[in-house]
């Protein structure tokens, strides 16, 4: 399973990041609308995002990652429900996977900028690091690459 989180810090790395994502085996999840736009822009003009092989979910980035962390920290396992939220789907998929790759872009998300702080991709990278540690503690094989 592979999670693609955020565009690359340097736009010239977007194509390499998306190429790696598309070549990874297994289920694929895109976290963030900017990330989804990046993938759509790199795909050939005749290919749509929903035609990407093994793409399970395209969802919000920071909000969903935060909710997934809450699921793991509060219950330890995703909550069973007949109607699953994106966070529950992602948490369930992570629970089922034995090997998980994180491809994390370090571009600054302008929607998360604070007027009083310098713009940094702190939030998403912190959430991703916390999630990686939780998954490793559960015995998952986790790899992380930053762009």
Protein backbone atom coordinates (compact mmCIF):
# COMPACT_ATOMS: atom_id res chain seq x y z
CA UNK A 1 0.00 0.00 0.00
CA UNK A 2 1.22 3.49 -0.84
CA UNK A 3 0.14 6.88 0.51
CA UNK A 4 0.94 9.99 -1.48
CA UNK A 5 0.80 13.03 0.78
CA UNK A 6 1.35 16.54 -0.56
CA UNK A 7 3.18 17.91 -3.60
CA UNK A 8 6.96 18.00 -3.71
CA UNK A 9 8.81 20.96 -2.22
CA UNK A 10 10.27 21.64 -5.67
CA UNK A 11 7.70 21.43 -8.49
CA UNK A 12 10.29 19.86 -10.80
CA UNK A 13 10.16 16.77 -8.53
CA UNK A 14 6.38 16.30 -8.95
CA UNK A 15 6.74 14.06 -11.99
CA UNK A 16 9.29 11.78 -10.29
CA UNK A 17 7.11 11.59 -7.17
CA UNK A 18 3.99 10.68 -9.16
CA UNK A 19 5.93 8.17 -11.27
CA UNK A 20 7.13 6.40 -8.11
CA UNK A 21 3.58 6.41 -6.73
CA UNK A 22 2.12 4.89 -9.89
CA UNK A 23 4.79 2.17 -10.03
CA UNK A 24 4.26 1.04 -6.42
CA UNK A 25 2.37 -2.26 -6.09
CA UNK A 26 -0.88 -2.61 -4.18
CA UNK A 27 -3.52 -0.18 -3.03
CA UNK A 28 -2.89 3.51 -3.51
CA UNK A 29 -4.27 6.46 -1.55
CA UNK A 30 -3.91 10.16 -2.38
CA UNK A 31 -4.15 12.52 0.60
CA UNK A 32 -4.95 16.13 -0.24
CA UNK A 33 -6.56 18.08 -3.03
CA UNK A 34 -3.25 19.69 -4.03
CA UNK A 35 -1.77 16.21 -4.22
CA UNK A 36 -4.65 14.97 -6.39
CA UNK A 37 -4.21 17.99 -8.68
CA UNK A 38 -0.48 17.25 -8.95
CA UNK A 39 -1.19 13.64 -9.99
CA UNK A 40 -3.86 14.72 -12.49
CA UNK A 41 -1.42 17.23 -14.03
CA UNK A 42 1.31 14.60 -14.45
CA UNK A 43 -0.94 11.91 -15.96
CA UNK A 44 -1.16 11.70 -19.76
CA UNK A 45 -3.89 14.00 -21.15
CA UNK A 46 -6.10 11.03 -22.06
CA UNK A 47 -5.95 9.49 -18.55
CA UNK A 48 -8.18 10.57 -15.69
CA UNK A 49 -7.37 10.24 -12.00
CA UNK A 50 -10.13 7.67 -11.44
CA UNK A 51 -8.47 5.34 -13.97
CA UNK A 52 -5.24 4.96 -11.95
CA UNK A 53 -4.71 1.26 -11.21
CA UNK A 54 -5.39 0.21 -7.61
CA UNK A 55 -6.39 3.74 -6.53
CA UNK A 56 -8.54 3.12 -3.46
CA UNK A 57 -9.14 6.62 -2.15
CA UNK A 58 -8.59 10.30 -2.88
CA UNK A 59 -9.24 12.28 0.25
CA UNK A 60 -8.44 15.41 2.21
CA UNK A 61 -4.90 15.53 3.56
CA UNK A 62 -4.29 17.02 6.98
CA UNK A 63 -7.85 16.64 8.30
CA UNK A 64 -8.08 12.94 7.40
CA UNK A 65 -4.57 12.15 8.65
CA UNK A 66 -5.49 13.79 11.95
CA UNK A 67 -8.70 11.73 12.17
CA UNK A 68 -6.78 8.52 11.36
CA UNK A 69 -4.37 9.28 14.20
CA UNK A 70 -7.36 9.82 16.51
CA UNK A 71 -8.76 6.43 15.48
CA UNK A 72 -5.48 4.66 16.25
CA UNK A 73 -4.81 6.60 19.46
CA UNK A 74 -8.32 6.32 20.89
CA UNK A 75 -9.52 2.89 19.88
CA UNK A 76 -6.47 1.13 18.54
CA UNK A 77 -8.57 -0.22 15.68
CA UNK A 78 -10.91 1.46 13.19
CA UNK A 79 -14.55 1.58 14.26
CA UNK A 80 -16.83 -0.82 12.42
CA UNK A 81 -19.62 1.02 10.68
CA UNK A 82 -21.96 0.40 7.78
CA UNK A 83 -21.07 3.81 6.35
CA UNK A 84 -17.36 4.45 6.56
CA UNK A 85 -15.73 7.85 6.53
CA UNK A 86 -12.54 8.42 4.55
CA UNK A 87 -10.59 8.28 7.83
CA UNK A 88 -12.14 4.90 8.70
CA UNK A 89 -11.39 3.55 5.21
CA UNK A 90 -7.78 4.73 5.44
CA UNK A 91 -7.35 3.39 9.00
CA UNK A 92 -8.83 0.01 7.99
CA UNK A 93 -6.59 -0.19 4.93
CA UNK A 94 -3.51 0.62 7.02
CA UNK A 95 -4.54 -2.00 9.57
CA UNK A 96 -4.89 -4.66 6.84
CA UNK A 97 -1.62 -3.80 5.06
CA UNK A 98 1.65 -5.44 6.02
CA UNK A 99 3.89 -3.13 3.99
CA UNK A 100 3.22 0.59 3.60
CA UNK A 101 5.12 3.24 1.64
CA UNK A 102 4.74 6.93 2.39
CA UNK A 103 5.70 9.40 -0.32
CA UNK A 104 5.58 12.78 1.39
CA UNK A 105 5.86 16.08 -0.42
CA UNK A 106 7.23 18.97 1.57
CA UNK A 107 5.64 21.84 -0.36
CA UNK A 108 4.11 24.54 1.79
CA UNK A 109 0.32 24.30 1.80
CA UNK A 110 -0.90 27.87 1.55
CA UNK A 111 -4.24 26.95 3.12
CA UNK A 112 -2.46 25.96 6.35
CA UNK A 113 -0.28 29.04 6.69
CA UNK A 114 -0.49 30.97 9.89
CA UNK A 115 -0.19 34.71 9.61
CA UNK A 116 2.05 34.79 12.69
CA UNK A 117 4.36 31.89 11.77
CA UNK A 118 6.68 31.22 8.85
CA UNK A 119 5.13 28.96 6.22
CA UNK A 120 6.37 25.41 6.78
CA UNK A 121 4.94 21.99 5.98
CA UNK A 122 5.04 21.17 9.69
CA UNK A 123 1.49 19.90 10.15
CA UNK A 124 1.32 17.20 7.49
CA UNK A 125 4.87 15.94 8.04
CA UNK A 126 4.29 15.75 11.82
CA UNK A 127 1.04 13.85 11.32
CA UNK A 128 2.70 11.50 8.83
CA UNK A 129 5.64 10.87 11.20
CA UNK A 130 3.25 10.09 14.06
CA UNK A 131 1.30 7.71 11.84
CA UNK A 132 4.51 6.00 10.69
CA UNK A 133 5.57 5.42 14.31
CA UNK A 134 2.16 3.96 15.23
CA UNK A 135 2.25 1.62 12.24
CA UNK A 136 5.80 0.49 13.02
CA UNK A 137 4.76 -0.22 16.62
CA UNK A 138 2.03 -2.47 15.19
CA UNK A 139 4.67 -4.49 13.33
CA UNK A 140 4.10 -2.96 9.88
CA UNK A 141 6.95 -2.64 7.39
CA UNK A 142 6.98 1.10 6.67
CA UNK A 143 9.14 3.08 4.27
CA UNK A 144 9.14 6.86 3.96
CA UNK A 145 10.51 9.09 1.24
CA UNK A 146 10.39 12.87 1.34
CA UNK A 147 10.30 15.12 -1.72
